[in-house]
Every structure is written in structure tokens, then in C-alpha cells.
């Protein structure tokens, strides 16, 4: 059980935006200067990890959530809404300064996936944010592979193994039902393909 908890903590949903950004800047052909890469990573890390953690601490302090696991749908609603807006704003900021447009659209994909997740709350479906996150990273790496005509098959295979470990750990901890695991993964994956289609058509 300790191993499953460790996997869930180490591969926390808040880290996947940073992971996707790092892979983008590390794997794709260099088209921005190194200093800009560091700035992008710092902004993404602060915006998608530090700020949400501070938000959760505040919500816990005022008793709007019981703990950081967000076990109930009601506890998830505001944090998910917050992350939808945050992802959209990060994407908008990147497109407005015309830096890393493909990465910007990956954030729009995240916003789309989380928006659908929020809608599913209405029918009492608690989508796995863990598998949504890793599904989004896999989808984004596939998009990068196609866009830049680079072979990322070994990386994608490794990410699928990580996705499997995450799914097993969430089930073992009774955090989700199987369908919530699958829905999360598919939402994360497909949303990146949708955002890429929009990116290609603008």
C-alpha cells in the first residue's frame, strides 16, 4: 500500500503541466533562447504547482475541503474551476507573446479536459485527475512527435507504463472506480488532439 501511495504523491496531477512543458522544451527543435525556456518553466511551475498548493491550503484552513486528497465531488469543484481558468490564462499569455505556441495550445487542451471533468460532476462522475494528467502528457508528446516529425516512441512507451502504474495505484487505494480511471485518461489524451487540430487551423 505504501508503494501505491508513493506513486500517487510523486506523480501528482499538479506536476503534469510542468512535465509536459519540460518535455516540450527538452525534446523539440530549439526555437527560443535558453533564458526564455527557464522563464517559461519557472512561470509554469509557480502557476500550476505552487499557487494551487497555496489555494488548497487556504481552502483547508477555511474548512471548504477536509484534506488535500479532494475525495468528494463537492470538494473538487472550485479547485477544478480554478485550474481551468489558470490553464486558459497561461495558454493565452503564451499565444499573445507568440512564444511556444504549440505548448500554449496544450494548456488549452488541459482547460478543455477539465471543463468536461467539471460537467461530469453533474452526473456524479469523479474523473481521475491523475490519469487525466498523464493522458494529457502522452497526447502532447504524440502531438509533438507528429508536428516535428520526430520519433518519440520510446518516451511514449515509458509514459504508458507510468500511466498503468498510476491507474493501478488509484484503484488499489480505492480512490476511483475503473471507469473514472479510463475516462480521465481518455479526456487527457483526446483533449490534446482536439487542441492540436485547432492549432493547425488558425
Protein backbone atom coordinates (compact mmCIF):
# COMPACT_ATOMS: atom_id res chain seq x y z
CA UNK A 1 0.00 0.00 0.00
CA UNK A 2 2.92 2.33 0.73
CA UNK A 3 4.16 1.96 -2.86
CA UNK A 4 0.75 2.93 -4.26
CA UNK A 5 0.62 6.00 -2.03
CA UNK A 6 4.14 6.95 -3.07
CA UNK A 7 3.23 6.71 -6.76
CA UNK A 8 0.15 8.88 -6.20
CA UNK A 9 2.18 11.53 -4.38
CA UNK A 10 5.23 11.56 -6.65
CA UNK A 11 3.08 11.60 -9.81
CA UNK A 12 0.61 14.17 -8.51
CA UNK A 13 -1.76 15.79 -11.06
CA UNK A 14 -0.32 19.25 -10.32
CA UNK A 15 3.06 18.18 -11.72
CA UNK A 16 1.91 17.11 -15.18
CA UNK A 17 1.70 20.62 -16.67
CA UNK A 18 5.31 21.19 -15.67
CA UNK A 19 6.27 17.75 -17.00
CA UNK A 20 4.66 18.47 -20.37
CA UNK A 21 6.35 21.88 -20.56
CA UNK A 22 9.75 20.40 -19.71
CA UNK A 23 9.39 17.66 -22.33
CA UNK A 24 8.37 20.24 -24.93
CA UNK A 25 11.38 22.45 -24.26
CA UNK A 26 13.77 19.49 -23.98
CA UNK A 27 12.61 17.39 -26.93
CA UNK A 28 11.58 19.82 -29.65
CA UNK A 29 13.91 21.72 -32.02
CA UNK A 30 15.30 24.83 -30.33
CA UNK A 31 13.37 27.89 -31.43
CA UNK A 32 13.62 30.05 -28.31
CA UNK A 33 16.65 31.10 -26.30
CA UNK A 34 17.69 29.22 -23.18
CA UNK A 35 16.79 32.11 -20.86
CA UNK A 36 13.23 32.14 -22.23
CA UNK A 37 12.99 28.39 -21.58
CA UNK A 38 13.93 28.90 -17.93
CA UNK A 39 11.38 31.70 -17.59
CA UNK A 40 8.64 29.54 -19.11
CA UNK A 41 9.42 26.63 -16.80
CA UNK A 42 9.51 28.91 -13.76
CA UNK A 43 6.18 30.53 -14.64
CA UNK A 44 4.55 27.15 -15.30
CA UNK A 45 5.89 25.67 -12.05
CA UNK A 46 4.73 28.60 -9.93
CA UNK A 47 1.37 28.88 -11.70
CA UNK A 48 0.42 25.21 -11.86
CA UNK A 49 2.08 23.85 -8.71
CA UNK A 50 2.90 26.49 -6.09
CA UNK A 51 -0.24 28.62 -6.49
CA UNK A 52 -2.66 25.63 -6.49
CA UNK A 53 -0.97 24.23 -3.36
CA UNK A 54 -1.40 27.58 -1.63
CA UNK A 55 -5.03 27.64 -2.76
CA UNK A 56 -5.66 24.17 -1.33
CA UNK A 57 -4.01 25.19 1.95
CA UNK A 58 -6.29 28.22 2.12
CA UNK A 59 -9.41 26.16 1.33
CA UNK A 60 -8.46 23.69 4.03
CA UNK A 61 -7.87 26.47 6.51
CA UNK A 62 -11.37 27.87 5.97
CA UNK A 63 -12.83 24.33 6.05
CA UNK A 64 -14.04 24.22 2.44
CA UNK A 65 -12.10 20.98 1.98
CA UNK A 66 -11.35 18.26 4.51
CA UNK A 67 -7.92 17.32 3.14
CA UNK A 68 -5.69 17.68 0.10
CA UNK A 69 -6.96 14.46 -1.50
CA UNK A 70 -10.27 16.10 -2.54
CA UNK A 71 -12.14 12.84 -2.15
CA UNK A 72 -15.63 14.22 -2.76
CA UNK A 73 -17.03 15.84 -5.90
CA UNK A 74 -18.07 18.96 -3.97
CA UNK A 75 -14.51 19.44 -2.73
CA UNK A 76 -13.19 19.21 -6.28
CA UNK A 77 -15.48 21.77 -7.90
CA UNK A 78 -13.73 25.02 -7.02
CA UNK A 79 -10.14 23.75 -7.47
CA UNK A 80 -11.05 22.33 -10.90
CA UNK A 81 -12.71 25.61 -11.93
CA UNK A 82 -9.64 27.48 -10.73
CA UNK A 83 -7.31 25.25 -12.74
CA UNK A 84 -9.50 25.61 -15.86
CA UNK A 85 -9.12 29.40 -15.69
CA UNK A 86 -5.42 29.15 -14.84
CA UNK A 87 -4.67 26.83 -17.78
CA UNK A 88 -6.59 29.06 -20.16
CA UNK A 89 -4.78 32.19 -18.96
CA UNK A 90 -1.36 30.53 -19.33
CA UNK A 91 -2.26 29.47 -22.87
CA UNK A 92 -3.49 32.98 -23.71
CA UNK A 93 -0.35 34.56 -22.29
CA UNK A 94 1.90 32.33 -24.39
CA UNK A 95 -0.04 32.95 -27.59
CA UNK A 96 -0.14 36.72 -27.00
CA UNK A 97 3.66 36.92 -26.90
CA UNK A 98 3.95 34.30 -29.66
CA UNK A 99 6.34 32.07 -27.74
CA UNK A 100 5.90 28.29 -27.72
CA UNK A 101 2.52 28.32 -29.49
CA UNK A 102 2.26 24.53 -29.53
CA UNK A 103 2.83 24.44 -25.78
CA UNK A 104 0.25 27.19 -25.35
CA UNK A 105 -2.37 25.08 -27.09
CA UNK A 106 -1.55 22.15 -24.83
CA UNK A 107 -2.78 24.32 -21.94
CA UNK A 108 -6.00 24.98 -23.86
CA UNK A 109 -6.29 21.20 -24.11
CA UNK A 110 -5.93 20.91 -20.33
CA UNK A 111 -8.64 23.55 -19.86
CA UNK A 112 -10.94 21.62 -22.21
CA UNK A 113 -10.37 18.30 -20.42
CA UNK A 114 -11.00 19.85 -17.01
CA UNK A 115 -14.12 21.61 -18.29
CA UNK A 116 -15.54 18.26 -19.35
CA UNK A 117 -14.48 16.85 -15.98
CA UNK A 118 -16.48 19.59 -14.28
CA UNK A 119 -19.54 18.79 -16.40
CA UNK A 120 -19.28 15.13 -15.37
CA UNK A 121 -19.64 16.20 -11.74
CA UNK A 122 -23.32 16.79 -12.56
CA UNK A 123 -23.82 13.06 -13.14
CA UNK A 124 -21.73 12.12 -10.09
CA UNK A 125 -18.63 11.01 -12.03
CA UNK A 126 -15.40 11.80 -10.15
CA UNK A 127 -12.90 11.66 -13.00
CA UNK A 128 -9.36 10.66 -12.05
CA UNK A 129 -7.20 13.78 -12.28
CA UNK A 130 -4.09 11.60 -12.04
CA UNK A 131 -4.88 9.68 -15.23
CA UNK A 132 -6.21 12.83 -16.91
CA UNK A 133 -2.82 14.43 -16.30
CA UNK A 134 -0.70 11.58 -17.61
CA UNK A 135 -3.09 11.09 -20.53
CA UNK A 136 -2.59 14.75 -21.42
CA UNK A 137 1.19 14.40 -21.32
CA UNK A 138 1.05 11.32 -23.57
CA UNK A 139 -1.26 13.09 -26.00
CA UNK A 140 1.01 16.14 -26.08
CA UNK A 141 4.14 14.06 -26.74
CA UNK A 142 2.28 12.34 -29.61
CA UNK A 143 1.36 15.76 -30.98
CA UNK A 144 4.99 16.91 -30.74
CA UNK A 145 6.15 13.73 -32.49
CA UNK A 146 3.75 14.40 -35.38
CA UNK A 147 4.35 18.15 -35.62
CA UNK A 148 8.15 17.95 -35.64
CA UNK A 149 8.40 14.54 -37.37
CA UNK A 150 10.48 13.10 -34.55
CA UNK A 151 10.44 9.56 -33.17
CA UNK A 152 9.35 9.65 -29.53
CA UNK A 153 8.11 6.05 -29.43
CA UNK A 154 10.35 5.01 -26.52
CA UNK A 155 9.25 8.03 -24.47
CA UNK A 156 5.59 7.38 -25.26
CA UNK A 157 6.00 3.71 -24.27
CA UNK A 158 7.59 4.76 -20.98
CA UNK A 159 4.76 7.20 -20.32
CA UNK A 160 2.19 4.45 -20.95
CA UNK A 161 3.94 2.32 -18.33
CA UNK A 162 3.75 5.25 -15.91
CA UNK A 163 0.06 5.65 -16.76
CA UNK A 164 -0.50 1.98 -15.95
CA UNK A 165 1.25 2.35 -12.59
CA UNK A 166 -0.85 5.40 -11.78
CA UNK A 167 -4.08 3.64 -12.73
CA UNK A 168 -3.25 0.58 -10.64
CA UNK A 169 -2.29 2.71 -7.64
CA UNK A 170 -5.51 4.74 -7.78
CA UNK A 171 -7.58 1.56 -7.93
CA UNK A 172 -5.59 -0.11 -5.15
CA UNK A 173 -6.16 2.90 -2.91
CA UNK A 174 -9.90 2.82 -3.69
CA UNK A 175 -9.65 6.42 -4.86
CA UNK A 176 -11.60 5.74 -8.07
CA UNK A 177 -13.71 3.24 -9.90
CA UNK A 178 -12.26 1.73 -13.10
CA UNK A 179 -14.46 3.84 -15.39
CA UNK A 180 -13.22 7.03 -13.70
CA UNK A 181 -9.64 5.94 -14.40
CA UNK A 182 -10.39 5.30 -18.08
CA UNK A 183 -12.46 8.47 -18.53
CA UNK A 184 -9.68 10.59 -17.06
CA UNK A 185 -7.03 9.08 -19.32
CA UNK A 186 -9.14 9.42 -22.47
CA UNK A 187 -10.11 13.01 -21.65
CA UNK A 188 -6.48 13.99 -21.16
CA UNK A 189 -5.38 12.22 -24.34
CA UNK A 190 -8.16 13.32 -26.69
CA UNK A 191 -8.19 16.94 -25.49
CA UNK A 192 -4.61 17.35 -26.72
CA UNK A 193 -5.57 16.07 -30.17
CA UNK A 194 -8.52 18.47 -30.29
CA UNK A 195 -6.42 21.47 -29.28
CA UNK A 196 -3.80 20.49 -31.89
CA UNK A 197 -6.46 20.43 -34.61
CA UNK A 198 -7.46 23.95 -33.61
CA UNK A 199 -3.79 24.98 -33.59
CA UNK A 200 -3.36 23.68 -37.16
CA UNK A 201 -6.44 25.53 -38.43
CA UNK A 202 -5.64 29.03 -37.18
